[in-house]
Amino acid sequence: MTSIPIAVQMFTLREESVQDFAGTLKKVAELGFDGVEFAGYGGLTAKEVKVLLDEFGLRAAASHVPLEDLEKNLYQVIEDQKLLDSRYVVCPYLQPERRSIEDYKALISFLDKAGETCRKEGITLCYHNHDFELERLSNGSTILETIFDKTNANNIKAELDVYWLTKAGENPVEWMNRYKNRTPLIHLKDMTTDDEQFFAELGTGGVDIEAVLHKGKENGVEWWVVEQDVCRRSPFESIEISINYLKSVKVN
């Protein structure tokens, strides 16, 4: 069992959350998760969500907040994190129309400034990757490297997603080594071993999850975050398989 707390990314349970947000949180707690990483608050205020977290014994690991909201409402985002007792806010995804070289330059500038604002308020801004950031620029560096290397390490941290790194042909452990002490959040996600490379429950696919887990304490990881973008069984069944796997792994 890992000593690092385990959260579930609520995007995995998006349909369940729409039907019953409070009930979904309750079920997450019953499955043994320590916390949740939010992808929206179910139409509730941050204060109302915090009441539910306290009721079910959960903590807010982080919140995924769209780039557009970070750009337009950063101070409200920060205040929400304070109300939730969440220390981390994550830029989760870039829309396809915002992936030009000029867009990335603007993103790097924005992240650095926004990250500094967050840091001064006691909040850490992180960037979460998919596979498209592993494309290489004309200078040979990947987009993801460029984002981290061109931003202040004190302002911007990484939420590395081990599935997308693996899908792009990268080794997640090597990325953890490269950005040691800059990876407080790690998305744990497995991949089927067939040509489809579909999303899989932890321990059932080909991603070397154990190697990642063994790097956690050394690398300063503060939360493992279970996410499965699409489940072929009930999402509750999927995350139960994943957390049971994490509980079974012996980590030094």
Protein backbone atom coordinates (compact mmCIF):
# COMPACT_ATOMS: atom_id res chain seq x y z
CA MET A 1 0.00 0.00 0.00
CA THR A 2 1.34 3.39 -0.91
CA SER A 3 1.75 5.86 1.97
CA ILE A 4 0.93 8.72 -0.40
CA PRO A 5 -2.81 9.55 -0.35
CA ILE A 6 -4.97 8.48 -3.29
CA ALA A 7 -7.60 10.60 -5.01
CA VAL A 8 -9.90 9.95 -7.92
CA GLN A 9 -10.32 12.44 -10.75
CA MET A 10 -14.03 13.16 -10.82
CA PHE A 11 -14.05 13.34 -14.63
CA THR A 12 -14.03 9.54 -14.44
CA LEU A 13 -17.39 9.76 -12.66
CA ARG A 14 -18.83 12.62 -14.69
CA GLU A 15 -22.10 10.90 -15.59
CA GLU A 16 -22.62 9.66 -12.04
CA SER A 17 -21.88 13.14 -10.70
CA VAL A 18 -24.53 14.72 -12.91
CA GLN A 19 -27.12 12.31 -11.53
CA ASP A 20 -26.05 12.55 -7.87
CA PHE A 21 -23.00 14.63 -6.99
CA ALA A 22 -23.21 14.10 -3.23
CA GLY A 23 -23.94 10.40 -3.61
CA THR A 24 -20.97 10.01 -5.92
CA LEU A 25 -18.65 11.59 -3.37
CA LYS A 26 -20.06 9.31 -0.69
CA LYS A 27 -19.39 6.22 -2.82
CA VAL A 28 -15.83 7.40 -3.53
CA ALA A 29 -15.22 7.63 0.22
CA GLU A 30 -16.73 4.17 0.79
CA LEU A 31 -14.33 2.69 -1.76
CA GLY A 32 -11.42 3.92 0.36
CA PHE A 33 -10.18 6.96 -1.52
CA ASP A 34 -8.56 9.71 0.54
CA GLY A 35 -9.68 12.53 -1.69
CA VAL A 36 -10.91 13.75 -5.02
CA GLU A 37 -9.57 15.87 -7.81
CA PHE A 38 -12.38 18.02 -9.11
CA ALA A 39 -13.46 18.69 -12.69
CA GLY A 40 -16.24 21.08 -11.77
CA TYR A 41 -18.29 21.25 -8.60
CA GLY A 42 -21.61 19.79 -9.67
CA GLY A 43 -23.33 23.16 -9.79
CA LEU A 44 -22.52 23.77 -6.11
CA THR A 45 -20.41 26.49 -4.57
CA ALA A 46 -16.98 25.63 -3.23
CA LYS A 47 -18.31 26.21 0.28
CA GLU A 48 -21.14 23.73 -0.28
CA VAL A 49 -18.74 21.17 -1.72
CA LYS A 50 -16.48 21.52 1.33
CA VAL A 51 -19.40 20.63 3.58
CA LEU A 52 -19.83 17.39 1.60
CA LEU A 53 -16.12 16.60 1.73
CA ASP A 54 -16.11 17.00 5.50
CA GLU A 55 -19.24 14.88 5.84
CA PHE A 56 -17.69 12.00 3.90
CA GLY A 57 -14.14 12.32 5.25
CA LEU A 58 -12.60 13.30 1.92
CA ARG A 59 -10.00 15.91 1.02
CA ALA A 60 -9.69 18.07 -2.07
CA ALA A 61 -6.48 16.98 -3.76
CA ALA A 62 -6.74 19.54 -6.57
CA SER A 63 -9.12 21.10 -9.06
CA HIS A 64 -8.90 20.93 -12.84
CA VAL A 65 -9.89 24.34 -14.16
CA PRO A 66 -10.10 25.12 -17.90
CA LEU A 67 -7.49 27.54 -19.22
CA GLU A 68 -10.22 30.00 -20.18
CA ASP A 69 -11.43 30.17 -16.57
CA LEU A 70 -7.88 30.61 -15.30
CA GLU A 71 -7.46 33.50 -17.72
CA LYS A 72 -10.75 35.21 -16.87
CA ASN A 73 -11.39 34.33 -13.22
CA LEU A 74 -8.04 33.49 -11.60
CA TYR A 75 -8.76 35.17 -8.28
CA GLN A 76 -12.12 33.40 -7.96
CA VAL A 77 -10.39 30.10 -8.74
CA ILE A 78 -7.87 30.81 -5.99
CA GLU A 79 -10.60 31.68 -3.50
CA ASP A 80 -12.44 28.45 -4.34
CA GLN A 81 -9.30 26.44 -3.60
CA LYS A 82 -8.94 28.14 -0.25
CA LEU A 83 -12.54 27.31 0.62
CA LEU A 84 -11.95 23.69 -0.37
CA ASP A 85 -8.62 23.48 1.51
CA SER A 86 -7.10 22.52 -1.84
CA ARG A 87 -3.49 23.49 -2.45
CA TYR A 88 -3.42 22.68 -6.16
CA VAL A 89 -5.14 23.97 -9.26
CA VAL A 90 -4.44 22.31 -12.61
CA CYS A 91 -4.60 23.51 -16.20
CA PRO A 92 -6.00 20.29 -17.69
CA TYR A 93 -6.22 20.54 -21.46
CA LEU A 94 -5.58 22.76 -24.44
CA GLN A 95 -8.25 22.96 -27.10
CA PRO A 96 -7.00 22.04 -30.61
CA GLU A 97 -7.42 25.62 -31.83
CA ARG A 98 -4.94 26.80 -29.18
CA ARG A 99 -1.94 24.65 -30.08
CA SER A 100 0.06 26.79 -32.50
CA ILE A 101 3.63 27.86 -31.71
CA GLU A 102 2.38 31.33 -30.90
CA ASP A 103 -0.30 29.86 -28.65
CA TYR A 104 2.32 27.89 -26.73
CA LYS A 105 4.46 31.00 -26.29
CA ALA A 106 1.46 32.86 -24.92
CA LEU A 107 0.59 29.89 -22.69
CA ILE A 108 4.07 29.80 -21.17
CA SER A 109 3.93 33.51 -20.39
CA PHE A 110 0.46 33.21 -18.88
CA LEU A 111 1.27 30.13 -16.80
CA ASP A 112 4.34 31.79 -15.32
CA LYS A 113 2.44 34.91 -14.30
CA ALA A 114 -0.63 33.05 -13.08
CA GLY A 115 1.56 30.58 -11.23
CA GLU A 116 3.31 33.41 -9.43
CA THR A 117 -0.05 34.90 -8.43
CA CYS A 118 -1.22 31.53 -7.14
CA ARG A 119 2.02 30.93 -5.23
CA LYS A 120 1.71 34.23 -3.42
CA GLU A 121 -1.75 33.10 -2.30
CA GLY A 122 -0.52 29.72 -1.09
CA ILE A 123 -1.82 27.78 -4.11
CA THR A 124 0.26 25.81 -6.61
CA LEU A 125 -0.56 25.89 -10.33
CA CYS A 126 0.18 22.68 -12.25
CA TYR A 127 0.07 21.71 -15.91
CA HIS A 128 -1.42 18.34 -16.94
CA ASN A 129 -0.26 16.68 -20.14
CA HIS A 130 -1.82 14.60 -22.88
CA ASP A 131 0.11 13.04 -25.74
CA PHE A 132 0.05 16.00 -28.12
CA GLU A 133 2.50 17.91 -25.90
CA LEU A 134 5.06 15.22 -26.65
CA GLU A 135 5.32 16.35 -30.26
CA ARG A 136 8.72 17.82 -31.04
CA LEU A 137 9.42 21.37 -32.05
CA SER A 138 11.94 22.41 -34.69
CA ASN A 139 14.69 22.57 -32.04
CA GLY A 140 14.12 18.91 -31.09
CA SER A 141 12.52 19.61 -27.70
CA THR A 142 9.04 18.43 -26.93
CA ILE A 143 6.30 20.95 -26.26
CA LEU A 144 5.98 19.62 -22.70
CA GLU A 145 9.69 20.08 -21.99
CA THR A 146 9.48 23.58 -23.36
CA ILE A 147 6.53 24.46 -21.12
CA PHE A 148 8.36 23.29 -18.00
CA ASP A 149 11.82 24.52 -18.97
CA LYS A 150 10.59 28.00 -19.93
CA THR A 151 8.53 28.52 -16.77
CA ASN A 152 9.80 29.17 -13.27
CA ALA A 153 9.93 25.89 -11.33
CA ASN A 154 8.62 27.75 -8.28
CA ASN A 155 5.56 28.93 -10.20
CA ILE A 156 4.58 25.92 -12.32
CA LYS A 157 4.58 22.28 -11.29
CA ALA A 158 3.73 19.17 -13.30
CA GLU A 159 0.82 16.80 -13.11
CA LEU A 160 2.30 14.03 -15.24
CA ASP A 161 -0.18 11.61 -16.79
CA VAL A 162 1.50 8.22 -17.09
CA TYR A 163 -0.95 6.89 -19.70
CA TRP A 164 -0.42 9.74 -22.14
CA LEU A 165 3.34 9.69 -21.63
CA THR A 166 3.40 5.97 -22.35
CA LYS A 167 1.11 6.32 -25.35
CA ALA A 168 3.53 8.88 -26.78
CA GLY A 169 6.40 6.42 -26.42
CA GLU A 170 7.86 8.05 -23.32
CA ASN A 171 8.91 6.53 -19.98
CA PRO A 172 6.99 8.14 -17.10
CA VAL A 173 9.77 7.39 -14.60
CA GLU A 174 12.29 9.22 -16.76
CA TRP A 175 9.99 12.25 -16.76
CA MET A 176 9.66 12.04 -12.99
CA ASN A 177 13.45 11.96 -12.74
CA ARG A 178 13.79 14.90 -15.13
CA TYR A 179 11.43 17.05 -13.10
CA LYS A 180 12.19 15.69 -9.66
CA ASN A 181 10.47 17.58 -6.84
CA ARG A 182 8.28 19.28 -9.43
CA THR A 183 5.65 16.52 -9.67
CA PRO A 184 3.34 16.82 -6.65
CA LEU A 185 0.43 15.25 -8.56
CA ILE A 186 0.62 12.14 -10.73
CA HIS A 187 -2.24 10.79 -12.83
CA LEU A 188 -2.23 7.01 -12.58
CA LYS A 189 -3.84 5.41 -15.59
CA ASP A 190 -3.22 2.09 -17.32
CA MET A 191 -3.37 1.06 -20.98
CA THR A 192 -4.46 -2.13 -22.71
CA THR A 193 -1.63 -4.09 -24.30
CA ASP A 194 -3.34 -4.55 -27.66
CA ASP A 195 -3.07 -2.25 -30.67
CA GLU A 196 -6.00 -0.15 -29.45
CA GLN A 197 -4.08 1.03 -26.38
CA PHE A 198 -7.36 1.76 -24.63
CA PHE A 199 -7.80 3.04 -21.09
CA ALA A 200 -7.54 0.27 -18.50
CA GLU A 201 -7.91 -0.28 -14.77
CA LEU A 202 -4.66 -0.05 -12.84
CA GLY A 203 -2.69 -3.28 -12.81
CA THR A 204 -4.53 -4.76 -15.79
CA GLY A 205 -2.54 -3.15 -18.63
CA GLY A 206 0.96 -2.47 -19.84
CA VAL A 207 1.96 0.75 -18.09
CA ASP A 208 4.64 0.11 -15.46
CA ILE A 209 2.57 1.51 -12.60
CA GLU A 210 4.74 -0.10 -9.91
CA ALA A 211 7.87 1.65 -11.15
CA VAL A 212 6.03 4.96 -10.92
CA LEU A 213 4.77 4.18 -7.42
CA HIS A 214 8.27 3.36 -6.21
CA LYS A 215 9.45 6.82 -7.30
CA GLY A 216 6.70 8.66 -5.45
CA LYS A 217 8.24 9.37 -2.07
CA GLU A 218 11.68 10.15 -3.52
CA ASN A 219 10.11 12.53 -6.01
CA GLY A 220 7.96 14.41 -3.51
CA VAL A 221 4.64 13.20 -4.92
CA GLU A 222 1.83 14.38 -2.63
CA TRP A 223 -1.17 12.78 -4.36
CA TRP A 224 -1.72 9.82 -6.63
CA VAL A 225 -4.75 10.58 -8.77
CA VAL A 226 -6.65 7.69 -10.36
CA GLU A 227 -8.29 8.60 -13.64
CA GLN A 228 -9.87 6.52 -16.37
CA ASP A 229 -11.11 8.68 -19.22
CA VAL A 230 -13.48 6.00 -20.54
CA CYS A 231 -14.56 2.81 -18.76
CA ARG A 232 -15.94 -0.30 -20.42
CA ARG A 233 -17.63 -1.34 -17.20
CA SER A 234 -19.27 0.76 -14.52
CA PRO A 235 -16.86 3.59 -13.60
CA PHE A 236 -17.37 2.68 -9.94
CA GLU A 237 -16.25 -0.88 -10.73
CA SER A 238 -13.24 0.46 -12.62
CA ILE A 239 -12.03 2.75 -9.85
CA GLU A 240 -12.61 0.00 -7.28
CA ILE A 241 -10.34 -2.33 -9.27
CA SER A 242 -7.76 0.45 -9.47
CA ILE A 243 -7.73 1.35 -5.78
CA ASN A 244 -7.65 -2.31 -4.77
CA TYR A 245 -4.59 -2.69 -6.96
CA LEU A 246 -2.92 0.28 -5.28
CA LYS A 247 -3.71 -1.15 -1.87
CA SER A 248 -2.11 -4.46 -2.87
CA VAL A 249 1.19 -3.06 -4.13
CA LYS A 250 4.03 -2.99 -1.62
CA VAL A 251 5.91 0.28 -1.97
CA ASN A 252 9.13 1.05 -0.11
